[in-house]
C-alpha atoms as a PDB file:
ATOM      1  CA  MET A   1      45.877   9.821  19.881  1.00  0.00           C
ATOM      2  CA  LYS A   2      42.243   9.225  19.168  1.00  0.00           C
ATOM      3  CA  HIS A   3      41.835  13.196  19.097  1.00  0.00           C
ATOM      4  CA  GLN A   4      44.809  13.706  16.491  1.00  0.00           C
ATOM      5  CA  PHE A   5      43.068  10.798  14.638  1.00  0.00           C
ATOM      6  CA  LEU A   6      39.796  11.998  14.240  1.00  0.00           C
ATOM      7  CA  LEU A   7      41.247  15.466  13.523  1.00  0.00           C
ATOM      8  CA  LEU A   8      43.480  14.263  10.392  1.00  0.00           C
ATOM      9  CA  LEU A   9      40.507  13.194   9.116  1.00  0.00           C
ATOM     10  CA  CYS A  10      38.363  15.689   8.946  1.00  0.00           C
ATOM     11  CA  LEU A  11      41.681  17.429   7.120  1.00  0.00           C
ATOM     12  CA  LEU A  12      41.228  14.539   4.427  1.00  0.00           C
ATOM     13  CA  LEU A  13      37.667  14.540   4.187  1.00  0.00           C
ATOM     14  CA  ALA A  14      37.554  18.537   3.594  1.00  0.00           C
ATOM     15  CA  VAL A  15      40.113  18.999   0.781  1.00  0.00           C
ATOM     16  CA  ALA A  16      38.176  15.735  -0.746  1.00  0.00           C
ATOM     17  CA  CYS A  17      34.894  18.049  -0.561  1.00  0.00           C
ATOM     18  CA  CYS A  18      37.061  20.944  -2.575  1.00  0.00           C
ATOM     19  CA  LYS A  19      38.783  19.646  -4.715  1.00  0.00           C
ATOM     20  CA  LYS A  20      36.750  19.472  -8.593  1.00  0.00           C
ATOM     21  CA  PRO A  21      34.896  16.175 -10.450  1.00  0.00           C
ATOM     22  CA  ALA A  22      36.603  15.622 -13.480  1.00  0.00           C
ATOM     23  CA  PRO A  23      34.530  16.523 -16.302  1.00  0.00           C
ATOM     24  CA  ALA A  24      32.266  14.362 -17.767  1.00  0.00           C
ATOM     25  CA  GLN A  25      32.985  13.382 -21.124  1.00  0.00           C
ATOM     26  CA  PRO A  26      30.813  15.019 -23.798  1.00  0.00           C
ATOM     27  CA  THR A  27      28.990  12.539 -26.137  1.00  0.00           C
ATOM     28  CA  PRO A  28      29.780  13.528 -29.889  1.00  0.00           C
ATOM     29  CA  ALA A  29      26.998  15.547 -31.086  1.00  0.00           C
ATOM     30  CA  GLN A  30      24.164  15.004 -34.491  1.00  0.00           C
ATOM     31  CA  PRO A  31      24.697  17.607 -36.469  1.00  0.00           C
ATOM     32  CA  PRO A  32      20.557  18.918 -36.151  1.00  0.00           C
ATOM     33  CA  PRO A  33      18.229  18.549 -38.836  1.00  0.00           C
ATOM     34  CA  PRO A  34      16.791  22.158 -40.017  1.00  0.00           C
ATOM     35  CA  SER A  35      14.182  23.660 -37.722  1.00  0.00           C
ATOM     36  CA  ALA A  36      11.472  25.739 -39.163  1.00  0.00           C
ATOM     37  CA  LYS A  37      13.430  28.643 -38.595  1.00  0.00           C
ATOM     38  CA  GLU A  38      16.177  27.232 -41.741  1.00  0.00           C
ATOM     39  CA  VAL A  39      13.306  26.337 -43.430  1.00  0.00           C
ATOM     40  CA  THR A  40      11.985  30.070 -44.442  1.00  0.00           C
ATOM     41  CA  MET A  41      15.113  31.309 -46.180  1.00  0.00           C
ATOM     42  CA  ASN A  42      13.829  33.580 -48.271  1.00  0.00           C
ATOM     43  CA  LYS A  43      17.101  36.268 -48.041  1.00  0.00           C
ATOM     44  CA  PRO A  44      20.115  35.602 -48.914  1.00  0.00           C
ATOM     45  CA  SER A  45      21.833  36.869 -46.918  1.00  0.00           C
ATOM     46  CA  GLU A  46      19.916  34.131 -44.116  1.00  0.00           C
ATOM     47  CA  TRP A  47      20.488  31.649 -46.986  1.00  0.00           C
ATOM     48  CA  ASN A  48      23.118  28.385 -45.677  1.00  0.00           C
ATOM     49  CA  LYS A  49      26.909  28.842 -45.965  1.00  0.00           C
ATOM     50  CA  LEU A  50      29.219  26.880 -48.047  1.00  0.00           C
ATOM     51  CA  THR A  51      31.862  24.715 -48.065  1.00  0.00           C
ATOM     52  CA  PRO A  52      34.063  25.447 -51.289  1.00  0.00           C
ATOM     53  CA  GLU A  53      33.048  22.199 -52.439  1.00  0.00           C
ATOM     54  CA  GLU A  54      29.309  22.701 -52.032  1.00  0.00           C
ATOM     55  CA  GLU A  55      29.640  26.138 -53.988  1.00  0.00           C
ATOM     56  CA  ARG A  56      31.475  24.578 -56.915  1.00  0.00           C
ATOM     57  CA  VAL A  57      27.788  22.599 -57.220  1.00  0.00           C
ATOM     58  CA  ILE A  58      25.198  25.015 -56.605  1.00  0.00           C
ATOM     59  CA  VAL A  59      26.770  28.679 -57.219  1.00  0.00           C
ATOM     60  CA  GLY A  60      28.603  27.211 -60.143  1.00  0.00           C
ATOM     61  CA  LYS A  61      26.397  24.769 -61.575  1.00  0.00           C
ATOM     62  CA  GLY A  62      29.273  21.407 -61.386  1.00  0.00           C
ATOM     63  CA  THR A  63      28.839  17.890 -61.049  1.00  0.00           C
ATOM     64  CA  GLU A  64      29.780  15.804 -58.007  1.00  0.00           C
ATOM     65  CA  ARG A  65      31.427  12.004 -58.862  1.00  0.00           C
ATOM     66  CA  ALA A  66      29.159   9.579 -59.621  1.00  0.00           C
ATOM     67  CA  GLY A  67      28.937   6.694 -56.704  1.00  0.00           C
ATOM     68  CA  SER A  68      30.518   9.327 -53.925  1.00  0.00           C
ATOM     69  CA  GLY A  69      27.108  11.531 -52.414  1.00  0.00           C
ATOM     70  CA  GLU A  70      25.593  11.207 -48.965  1.00  0.00           C
ATOM     71  CA  TYR A  71      21.948  10.551 -50.347  1.00  0.00           C
ATOM     72  CA  TRP A  72      22.360   8.257 -53.674  1.00  0.00           C
ATOM     73  CA  ASN A  73      21.997   5.490 -52.093  1.00  0.00           C
ATOM     74  CA  HIS A  74      19.283   6.881 -49.429  1.00  0.00           C
ATOM     75  CA  LYS A  75      16.476   5.008 -48.372  1.00  0.00           C
ATOM     76  CA  ALA A  76      15.143   6.765 -45.135  1.00  0.00           C
ATOM     77  CA  PRO A  77      11.665   7.902 -45.052  1.00  0.00           C
ATOM     78  CA  GLY A  78      11.798  11.891 -45.644  1.00  0.00           C
ATOM     79  CA  TYR A  79      12.477  14.838 -47.184  1.00  0.00           C
ATOM     80  CA  TYR A  80      15.294  16.674 -48.918  1.00  0.00           C
ATOM     81  CA  VAL A  81      15.378  20.023 -48.950  1.00  0.00           C
ATOM     82  CA  CYS A  82      17.945  22.919 -50.760  1.00  0.00           C
ATOM     83  CA  ARG A  83      21.182  22.679 -48.591  1.00  0.00           C
ATOM     84  CA  ARG A  84      21.393  26.625 -49.247  1.00  0.00           C
ATOM     85  CA  CYS A  85      18.028  28.026 -48.718  1.00  0.00           C
ATOM     86  CA  SER A  86      16.265  25.071 -46.721  1.00  0.00           C
ATOM     87  CA  ALA A  87      13.049  24.756 -49.413  1.00  0.00           C
ATOM     88  CA  PRO A  88      11.313  21.243 -49.796  1.00  0.00           C
ATOM     89  CA  LEU A  89      12.811  19.676 -52.653  1.00  0.00           C
ATOM     90  CA  TYR A  90      11.118  16.342 -52.607  1.00  0.00           C
ATOM     91  CA  ARG A  91       9.686  13.886 -51.037  1.00  0.00           C
ATOM     92  CA  SER A  92      11.305  10.190 -50.243  1.00  0.00           C
ATOM     93  CA  GLU A  93       8.481   8.271 -51.700  1.00  0.00           C
ATOM     94  CA  ASP A  94       9.650   9.642 -55.119  1.00  0.00           C
ATOM     95  CA  LYS A  95      12.890   8.295 -54.591  1.00  0.00           C
ATOM     96  CA  PHE A  96      13.326   5.564 -57.106  1.00  0.00           C
ATOM     97  CA  ASP A  97      17.225   3.559 -57.543  1.00  0.00           C
ATOM     98  CA  SER A  98      17.981   4.557 -61.668  1.00  0.00           C
ATOM     99  CA  HIS A  99      21.854   2.812 -61.050  1.00  0.00           C
ATOM    100  CA  CYS A 100      22.643   5.910 -62.329  1.00  0.00           C
ATOM    101  CA  GLY A 101      25.293   6.888 -59.498  1.00  0.00           C
ATOM    102  CA  TRP A 102      23.634  10.338 -58.510  1.00  0.00           C
ATOM    103  CA  PRO A 103      19.892  10.404 -56.099  1.00  0.00           C
ATOM    104  CA  SER A 104      17.084  10.253 -58.549  1.00  0.00           C
ATOM    105  CA  PHE A 105      13.309  11.153 -57.875  1.00  0.00           C
ATOM    106  CA  ASP A 106      10.348  10.987 -60.325  1.00  0.00           C
ATOM    107  CA  ALA A 107       8.780  14.275 -59.032  1.00  0.00           C
ATOM    108  CA  GLU A 108       9.213  17.209 -56.811  1.00  0.00           C
ATOM    109  CA  ILE A 109       7.484  18.639 -54.671  1.00  0.00           C
ATOM    110  CA  PRO A 110       4.960  20.905 -56.394  1.00  0.00           C
ATOM    111  CA  GLY A 111       6.330  24.327 -57.382  1.00  0.00           C
ATOM    112  CA  SER A 112       9.820  23.787 -55.892  1.00  0.00           C
ATOM    113  CA  VAL A 113      11.875  23.018 -58.951  1.00  0.00           C
ATOM    114  CA  LYS A 114      12.563  25.203 -62.152  1.00  0.00           C
ATOM    115  CA  LYS A 115      13.620  23.910 -65.484  1.00  0.00           C
ATOM    116  CA  THR A 116      15.972  25.661 -67.871  1.00  0.00           C
ATOM    117  CA  PRO A 117      16.836  24.404 -70.850  1.00  0.00           C
ATOM    118  CA  ASP A 118      20.956  24.350 -71.481  1.00  0.00           C
ATOM    119  CA  ALA A 119      22.322  26.457 -74.073  1.00  0.00           C
ATOM    120  CA  ASP A 120      23.046  23.580 -76.059  1.00  0.00           C
ATOM    121  CA  GLY A 121      19.471  22.655 -75.945  1.00  0.00           C
ATOM    122  CA  SER A 122      20.439  19.040 -75.190  1.00  0.00           C
ATOM    123  CA  ARG A 123      19.813  19.004 -71.265  1.00  0.00           C
ATOM    124  CA  THR A 124      17.102  20.891 -69.303  1.00  0.00           C
ATOM    125  CA  GLU A 125      18.948  21.766 -65.776  1.00  0.00           C
ATOM    126  CA  ILE A 126      17.213  21.440 -62.744  1.00  0.00           C
ATOM    127  CA  THR A 127      17.512  24.049 -60.103  1.00  0.00           C
ATOM    128  CA  CYS A 128      16.689  25.531 -56.571  1.00  0.00           C
ATOM    129  CA  ALA A 129      12.897  27.642 -57.135  1.00  0.00           C
ATOM    130  CA  ARG A 130      13.906  30.307 -54.612  1.00  0.00           C
ATOM    131  CA  CYS A 131      17.518  30.458 -54.102  1.00  0.00           C
ATOM    132  CA  ASP A 132      18.164  29.081 -57.906  1.00  0.00           C
ATOM    133  CA  GLY A 133      21.026  26.643 -56.690  1.00  0.00           C
ATOM    134  CA  HIS A 134      22.377  24.373 -59.417  1.00  0.00           C
ATOM    135  CA  LEU A 135      20.382  20.832 -58.359  1.00  0.00           C
ATOM    136  CA  GLY A 136      21.411  18.779 -61.422  1.00  0.00           C
ATOM    137  CA  HIS A 137      19.620  18.046 -64.871  1.00  0.00           C
ATOM    138  CA  VAL A 138      15.899  16.832 -65.419  1.00  0.00           C
ATOM    139  CA  PHE A 139      15.189  13.738 -68.215  1.00  0.00           C
ATOM    140  CA  THR A 140      12.358  12.501 -69.787  1.00  0.00           C
ATOM    141  CA  GLY A 141      11.094   9.278 -71.946  1.00  0.00           C
ATOM    142  CA  GLU A 142      13.580   7.044 -70.029  1.00  0.00           C
ATOM    143  CA  GLY A 143      11.203   4.892 -68.588  1.00  0.00           C
ATOM    144  CA  PHE A 144      12.141   3.972 -65.054  1.00  0.00           C
ATOM    145  CA  THR A 145       8.409   4.616 -63.477  1.00  0.00           C
ATOM    146  CA  ALA A 146       5.538   5.293 -64.152  1.00  0.00           C
ATOM    147  CA  LYS A 147       5.663   8.815 -64.290  1.00  0.00           C
ATOM    148  CA  ASN A 148       8.856   8.604 -66.994  1.00  0.00           C
ATOM    149  CA  THR A 149      10.881  11.645 -65.609  1.00  0.00           C
ATOM    150  CA  ARG A 150      13.655  11.268 -63.889  1.00  0.00           C
ATOM    151  CA  HIS A 151      15.729  14.038 -61.489  1.00  0.00           C
ATOM    152  CA  CYS A 152      18.980  13.948 -61.405  1.00  0.00           C
ATOM    153  CA  VAL A 153      20.231  15.566 -58.977  1.00  0.00           C
ATOM    154  CA  ASN A 154      23.593  15.766 -56.731  1.00  0.00           C
ATOM    155  CA  SER A 155      23.470  14.898 -53.079  1.00  0.00           C
ATOM    156  CA  ILE A 156      25.322  18.191 -52.455  1.00  0.00           C
ATOM    157  CA  SER A 157      23.124  20.376 -53.378  1.00  0.00           C
ATOM    158  CA  MET A 158      20.149  18.543 -50.909  1.00  0.00           C
ATOM    159  CA  LYS A 159      19.969  17.881 -46.903  1.00  0.00           C
ATOM    160  CA  PHE A 160      18.112  14.971 -45.877  1.00  0.00           C
ATOM    161  CA  VAL A 161      15.555  16.451 -43.355  1.00  0.00           C
ATOM    162  CA  SER A 162      12.946  12.902 -41.821  1.00  0.00           C
ATOM    163  CA  ALA A 163       9.920  12.555 -41.927  1.00  0.00           C
ATOM    164  CA  ALA A 164       9.568  12.479 -37.454  1.00  0.00           C
ATOM    165  CA  LEU A 165       9.785  16.025 -37.896  1.00  0.00           C
ATOM    166  CA  GLY A 166       6.590  16.473 -39.649  1.00  0.00           C
ATOM    167  CA  ASP A 167       5.467  18.152 -42.984  1.00  0.00           C
ATOM    168  CA  THR A 168       4.663  21.895 -40.861  1.00  0.00           C
ATOM    169  CA  GLN A 169       7.969  21.427 -39.198  1.00  0.00           C
ATOM    170  CA  VAL A 170       9.090  20.895 -42.972  1.00  0.00           C
ATOM    171  CA  GLY A 171       7.151  23.900 -44.192  1.00  0.00           C
ATOM    172  CA  ILE A 172       5.275  21.956 -47.174  1.00  0.00           C
ATOM    173  CA  ASN A 173       1.958  21.572 -47.636  1.00  0.00           C
ATOM    174  CA  LEU A 174       0.403  18.626 -48.716  1.00  0.00           C
ATOM    175  CA  ASP A 175      -2.712  20.351 -49.080  1.00  0.00           C
ATOM    176  CA  THR A 176      -2.532  20.222 -53.154  1.00  0.00           C
ATOM    177  CA  GLN A 177      -5.022  19.288 -55.889  1.00  0.00           C
ATOM    178  CA  LYS A 178      -4.400  18.722 -59.345  1.00  0.00           C
ATOM    179  CA  ALA A 179      -6.672  19.266 -61.731  1.00  0.00           C
ATOM    180  CA  VAL A 180      -6.090  18.926 -66.217  1.00  0.00           C
ATOM    181  CA  PHE A 181      -7.399  20.896 -68.670  1.00  0.00           C
ATOM    182  CA  ALA A 182      -7.064  21.318 -72.628  1.00  0.00           C
ATOM    183  CA  SER A 183      -8.027  24.028 -75.111  1.00  0.00           C
ATOM    184  CA  GLY A 184      -5.760  23.775 -77.385  1.00  0.00           C
ATOM    185  CA  CYS A 185      -2.105  24.089 -77.565  1.00  0.00           C
ATOM    186  CA  PHE A 186      -0.825  23.233 -74.368  1.00  0.00           C
ATOM    187  CA  TRP A 187       1.786  26.224 -73.783  1.00  0.00           C
ATOM    188  CA  GLY A 188      -1.351  29.228 -74.246  1.00  0.00           C
ATOM    189  CA  THR A 189      -3.492  26.840 -71.468  1.00  0.00           C
ATOM    190  CA  GLU A 190      -0.328  26.883 -69.198  1.00  0.00           C
ATOM    191  CA  PHE A 191       0.494  30.253 -69.867  1.00  0.00           C
ATOM    192  CA  PHE A 192      -3.011  31.801 -68.097  1.00  0.00           C
ATOM    193  CA  LEU A 193      -2.945  29.563 -65.931  1.00  0.00           C
ATOM    194  CA  GLN A 194       0.274  29.064 -64.168  1.00  0.00           C
ATOM    195  CA  LYS A 195      -0.124  33.032 -63.003  1.00  0.00           C
ATOM    196  CA  PHE A 196      -3.614  32.553 -61.318  1.00  0.00           C
ATOM    197  CA  PRO A 197      -4.170  33.310 -57.830  1.00  0.00           C
ATOM    198  CA  GLY A 198      -3.444  29.513 -55.623  1.00  0.00           C
ATOM    199  CA  VAL A 199      -1.918  27.278 -58.724  1.00  0.00           C
ATOM    200  CA  VAL A 200       1.541  25.518 -57.234  1.00  0.00           C
ATOM    201  CA  SER A 201       3.024  24.621 -60.182  1.00  0.00           C
ATOM    202  CA  THR A 202       1.809  23.479 -63.646  1.00  0.00           C
ATOM    203  CA  THR A 203       3.161  20.757 -66.237  1.00  0.00           C
ATOM    204  CA  CYS A 204       2.064  20.330 -70.002  1.00  0.00           C
ATOM    205  CA  GLY A 205       1.562  16.664 -71.036  1.00  0.00           C
ATOM    206  CA  TYR A 206      -0.788  14.762 -73.055  1.00  0.00           C
ATOM    207  CA  ALA A 207      -3.944  12.491 -72.155  1.00  0.00           C
ATOM    208  CA  GLY A 208      -6.861  10.653 -73.414  1.00  0.00           C
ATOM    209  CA  GLY A 209      -4.645   8.564 -75.857  1.00  0.00           C
ATOM    210  CA  HIS A 210      -4.774   4.399 -76.155  1.00  0.00           C
ATOM    211  CA  LYS A 211      -0.350   5.031 -76.671  1.00  0.00           C
ATOM    212  CA  GLU A 212       2.222   4.563 -73.153  1.00  0.00           C
ATOM    213  CA  ASN A 213       4.171   7.499 -73.048  1.00  0.00           C
ATOM    214  CA  PRO A 214       3.738   9.362 -76.080  1.00  0.00           C
ATOM    215  CA  THR A 215       5.990  11.816 -77.923  1.00  0.00           C
ATOM    216  CA  TYR A 216       5.172  15.148 -79.168  1.00  0.00           C
ATOM    217  CA  LYS A 217       5.088  13.907 -83.101  1.00  0.00           C
ATOM    218  CA  GLU A 218       2.989  10.993 -82.559  1.00  0.00           C
ATOM    219  CA  VAL A 219       0.064  13.137 -80.964  1.00  0.00           C
ATOM    220  CA  CYS A 220       1.123  15.600 -84.150  1.00  0.00           C
ATOM    221  CA  GLY A 221       0.644  13.061 -86.453  1.00  0.00           C
ATOM    222  CA  HIS A 222      -2.610  12.092 -84.703  1.00  0.00           C
ATOM    223  CA  GLU A 223      -1.315   8.279 -83.801  1.00  0.00           C
ATOM    224  CA  THR A 224      -2.509   7.817 -80.448  1.00  0.00           C
ATOM    225  CA  GLY A 225      -5.145   9.806 -79.434  1.00  0.00           C
ATOM    226  CA  HIS A 226      -3.868  12.051 -76.788  1.00  0.00           C
ATOM    227  CA  LEU A 227      -4.867  15.603 -76.239  1.00  0.00           C
ATOM    228  CA  GLU A 228      -2.687  18.594 -75.410  1.00  0.00           C
ATOM    229  CA  VAL A 229      -2.985  18.873 -71.982  1.00  0.00           C
ATOM    230  CA  VAL A 230      -2.198  21.010 -69.021  1.00  0.00           C
ATOM    231  CA  GLU A 231      -2.361  19.122 -65.410  1.00  0.00           C
ATOM    232  CA  MET A 232      -1.723  21.567 -61.954  1.00  0.00           C
ATOM    233  CA  GLU A 233      -1.115  21.699 -58.664  1.00  0.00           C
ATOM    234  CA  PHE A 234      -3.543  24.251 -56.952  1.00  0.00           C
ATOM    235  CA  ASP A 235      -3.617  24.590 -53.299  1.00  0.00           C
ATOM    236  CA  PRO A 236      -7.509  25.262 -52.334  1.00  0.00           C
ATOM    237  CA  LYS A 237      -7.021  27.055 -49.099  1.00  0.00           C
ATOM    238  CA  LYS A 238      -6.187  29.916 -52.002  1.00  0.00           C
ATOM    239  CA  THR A 239      -8.245  29.210 -54.297  1.00  0.00           C
ATOM    240  CA  SER A 240     -11.497  26.659 -56.170  1.00  0.00           C
ATOM    241  CA  TYR A 241     -11.772  24.430 -58.419  1.00  0.00           C
ATOM    242  CA  GLU A 242     -14.372  25.957 -59.738  1.00  0.00           C
ATOM    243  CA  ALA A 243     -12.937  30.018 -59.514  1.00  0.00           C
ATOM    244  CA  LEU A 244      -9.865  27.988 -61.798  1.00  0.00           C
ATOM    245  CA  ALA A 245     -12.463  26.305 -64.116  1.00  0.00           C
ATOM    246  CA  LYS A 246     -14.130  29.706 -64.701  1.00  0.00           C
ATOM    247  CA  PHE A 247     -10.486  31.131 -65.642  1.00  0.00           C
ATOM    248  CA  PHE A 248      -9.974  28.134 -68.190  1.00  0.00           C
ATOM    249  CA  PHE A 249     -12.942  28.305 -69.949  1.00  0.00           C
ATOM    250  CA  GLU A 250     -12.682  32.420 -70.163  1.00  0.00           C
ATOM    251  CA  THR A 251      -9.437  31.874 -71.362  1.00  0.00           C
ATOM    252  CA  HIS A 252      -9.846  29.928 -74.666  1.00  0.00           C
ATOM    253  CA  ASP A 253     -12.488  29.552 -77.504  1.00  0.00           C
ATOM    254  CA  PHE A 254     -14.692  26.484 -76.067  1.00  0.00           C
ATOM    255  CA  GLU A 255     -17.314  26.762 -78.524  1.00  0.00           C
ATOM    256  CA  GLN A 256     -14.673  25.733 -81.129  1.00  0.00           C
ATOM    257  CA  LYS A 257     -15.335  21.934 -82.665  1.00  0.00           C
ATOM    258  CA  ASN A 258     -12.628  21.261 -84.711  1.00  0.00           C
ATOM    259  CA  GLY A 259      -9.228  23.081 -82.143  1.00  0.00           C
ATOM    260  CA  GLN A 260      -8.287  26.448 -81.592  1.00  0.00           C
ATOM    261  CA  GLY A 261      -7.683  29.060 -82.990  1.00  0.00           C
ATOM    262  CA  PRO A 262      -5.615  28.693 -86.251  1.00  0.00           C
ATOM    263  CA  ASP A 263      -4.160  25.265 -83.978  1.00  0.00           C
ATOM    264  CA  ILE A 264      -6.618  22.830 -85.785  1.00  0.00           C
ATOM    265  CA  GLY A 265      -6.415  18.835 -85.050  1.00  0.00           C
ATOM    266  CA  PRO A 266      -8.596  16.220 -82.606  1.00  0.00           C
ATOM    267  CA  GLN A 267      -5.243  17.068 -79.662  1.00  0.00           C
ATOM    268  CA  TYR A 268      -6.211  20.511 -79.632  1.00  0.00           C
ATOM    269  CA  LEU A 269      -9.654  20.119 -78.976  1.00  0.00           C
ATOM    270  CA  SER A 270     -11.014  21.557 -75.717  1.00  0.00           C
ATOM    271  CA  ALA A 271     -11.892  19.557 -72.573  1.00  0.00           C
ATOM    272  CA  VAL A 272     -11.757  18.647 -68.957  1.00  0.00           C
ATOM    273  CA  PHE A 273     -10.281  15.887 -67.320  1.00  0.00           C
ATOM    274  CA  CYS A 274     -12.179  15.830 -64.231  1.00  0.00           C
ATOM    275  CA  GLN A 275     -10.357  14.249 -61.419  1.00  0.00           C
ATOM    276  CA  ASN A 276     -13.201  13.280 -58.751  1.00  0.00           C
ATOM    277  CA  GLU A 277     -17.234  13.355 -59.530  1.00  0.00           C
ATOM    278  CA  GLU A 278     -17.404  16.658 -57.411  1.00  0.00           C
ATOM    279  CA  GLN A 279     -15.140  18.596 -60.137  1.00  0.00           C
ATOM    280  CA  LYS A 280     -17.344  16.804 -62.709  1.00  0.00           C
ATOM    281  CA  GLN A 281     -20.687  18.429 -61.130  1.00  0.00           C
ATOM    282  CA  VAL A 282     -18.805  21.408 -61.164  1.00  0.00           C
ATOM    283  CA  ILE A 283     -18.256  21.437 -64.883  1.00  0.00           C
ATOM    284  CA  GLU A 284     -21.154  20.320 -65.752  1.00  0.00           C
ATOM    285  CA  LYS A 285     -23.206  23.222 -63.712  1.00  0.00           C
ATOM    286  CA  LEU A 286     -20.612  25.805 -65.619  1.00  0.00           C
ATOM    287  CA  ILE A 287     -21.489  24.889 -69.398  1.00  0.00           C
ATOM    288  CA  ALA A 288     -25.114  24.440 -67.786  1.00  0.00           C
ATOM    289  CA  GLN A 289     -24.755  28.808 -67.027  1.00  0.00           C
ATOM    290  CA  LEU A 290     -22.556  28.840 -70.695  1.00  0.00           C
ATOM    291  CA  LYS A 291     -25.327  27.483 -72.508  1.00  0.00           C
ATOM    292  CA  ALA A 292     -28.282  29.934 -69.813  1.00  0.00           C
ATOM    293  CA  LYS A 293     -26.071  32.901 -71.899  1.00  0.00           C
ATOM    294  CA  GLY A 294     -27.105  31.486 -75.263  1.00  0.00           C
ATOM    295  CA  LEU A 295     -23.617  29.831 -75.804  1.00  0.00           C
ATOM    296  CA  LYS A 296     -23.221  26.206 -77.034  1.00  0.00           C
ATOM    297  CA  PRO A 297     -20.358  24.500 -75.382  1.00  0.00           C
ATOM    298  CA  ALA A 298     -18.337  22.474 -76.876  1.00  0.00           C
ATOM    299  CA  THR A 299     -15.926  21.381 -74.222  1.00  0.00           C
ATOM    300  CA  GLN A 300     -15.719  17.320 -73.776  1.00  0.00           C
ATOM    301  CA  VAL A 301     -16.654  16.331 -70.252  1.00  0.00           C
ATOM    302  CA  ARG A 302     -14.410  13.542 -69.497  1.00  0.00           C
ATOM    303  CA  GLY A 303     -12.692  11.121 -66.179  1.00  0.00           C
ATOM    304  CA  ALA A 304      -9.255  11.445 -65.310  1.00  0.00           C
ATOM    305  CA  ASP A 305      -6.847   9.378 -67.284  1.00  0.00           C
ATOM    306  CA  LYS A 306      -3.424   8.912 -67.603  1.00  0.00           C
ATOM    307  CA  PHE A 307      -1.567  11.527 -67.456  1.00  0.00           C
ATOM    308  CA  TRP A 308       1.735  11.738 -69.607  1.00  0.00           C
ATOM    309  CA  PRO A 309       4.644  14.990 -69.370  1.00  0.00           C
ATOM    310  CA  ALA A 310       5.849  16.208 -72.185  1.00  0.00           C
ATOM    311  CA  GLU A 311       9.056  17.125 -73.060  1.00  0.00           C
ATOM    312  CA  THR A 312      10.889  19.606 -71.920  1.00  0.00           C
ATOM    313  CA  TYR A 313      11.209  22.218 -73.801  1.00  0.00           C
ATOM    314  CA  HIS A 314       7.807  22.215 -74.031  1.00  0.00           C
ATOM    315  CA  GLN A 315       7.348  23.165 -69.996  1.00  0.00           C
ATOM    316  CA  ASP A 316       6.922  26.766 -69.456  1.00  0.00           C
ATOM    317  CA  TYR A 317       7.256  27.911 -73.400  1.00  0.00           C
ATOM    318  CA  TYR A 318       6.249  31.799 -73.311  1.00  0.00           C
ATOM    319  CA  ASP A 319       7.927  32.671 -70.346  1.00  0.00           C
ATOM    320  CA  ARG A 320      11.229  30.882 -71.113  1.00  0.00           C
ATOM    321  CA  LYS A 321      11.194  32.891 -74.632  1.00  0.00           C
ATOM    322  CA  GLY A 322       9.709  35.781 -73.417  1.00  0.00           C
ATOM    323  CA  SER A 323       6.525  36.090 -75.529  1.00  0.00           C
ATOM    324  CA  THR A 324       2.507  35.581 -75.679  1.00  0.00           C
ATOM    325  CA  PRO A 325       0.291  33.099 -77.122  1.00  0.00           C
ATOM    326  CA  TYR A 326      -1.507  33.579 -80.196  1.00  0.00           C
ATOM    327  CA  CYS A 327      -4.605  31.415 -79.983  1.00  0.00           C
ATOM    328  CA  HIS A 328      -5.531  32.233 -76.155  1.00  0.00           C
ATOM    329  CA  ALA A 329      -6.761  35.338 -75.134  1.00  0.00           C
ATOM    330  CA  TYR A 330      -8.511  36.822 -71.577  1.00  0.00           C
ATOM    331  CA  ARG A 331     -12.553  37.827 -72.053  1.00  0.00           C
ATOM    332  CA  LYS A 332     -14.833  37.445 -69.094  1.00  0.00           C
ATOM    333  CA  ILE A 333     -17.981  35.682 -69.344  1.00  0.00           C
ATOM    334  CA  PHE A 334     -18.761  34.678 -65.444  1.00  0.00           C
ATOM    335  CA  ASP A 335     -20.206  37.645 -62.432  1.00  0.00           C
END
C-alpha cells in the first residue's frame, strides 16, 4: 500500500512539472519617445506615417479645435518635434500660456521653422523647415511676452520629447551664438548674412531706440531712435564672429554717414550691437584694419540692446519676392 501511494505521488508530480505555467499579464506599453534615428528623418520615405486627422492638419493645412489638443496646457520640460519628420521645433522654456486654446511659443529653435505670408496677406503661416509640414501661424505685437512673438501651433503637428533624453538624443545644437548688425535696410542685410555658411537663423528687427515694441511706421518716422537691424544665430563650430563681421563690412558701404545708398535717415546707419566684450574687441580690430587701408568707417560700435522683431512681412523679404537688394553688394576687402 505504501509503494502504491509513493507511485501515485510521483505520477502527480510528473504531471505538474509538465504543465506550462500561465503566461504573465503584460504591462500596458508606453509609447516610446522619438529615437536618435527618428530625429534624422531627412528623406520623405523615412517620415512617420500620419493618421487621416494628422494628415488633414499637417499636409492639408487644417486647424484642430481650440482646447482639444494634447499639448495646449502641457508644462513638462523638454522639446517639441515635428510629428511628420521628428525635426526639433520648440523648447519647453519658450512655451507660455496665451489662453487661446493652442500651444504658444515666443521663439523657435533657430532654423527650425519657416514663415510664409498667407495668400491674402492677413496672417503668416509657420511650417517645419525640414518637411514643410503645417504647424500653425505666427503673430507679433500682441505683448504676451518680452519677445512680443506668438507661435500658435497645432498640438497634432508635434510630438513631445522629455528633457531627460538630452540635447544630443533629440538632435539639437544649443551652442549657437548671437550677433546683431545694422547696415541700412534690413532686407538687404538679411539677404546676404542669412546665406553665410554657419548662420543658423536670421530675424529682421529694431534695436537702439527708446520705445517699447516699435512699429515700422514709427521707426521710419524717426520717433523711436531705433535702427533697422538683423539678429542672427550662428554655429561657432562652423564659422566665427570675426568671419561674420568681415562679411558684414564687405556687403555694405560702411563709410556712408547718413544712411545706406538711397535710403537716408538715422534708422539706416551702419552699426554693430556687440553682445559681449569679445565681440567688441573683434569689431574694433577690424575697424582699425579698415583705417589702415585708408578707409573711413562710419560704423557705430554699440553695446547689446533690446531687440524687437520686425513685422512678419519684413522677414526673408528678398527670398520671398525672388529679387535682390538695391543698396547692398559684395566687395572683397579683407585678406
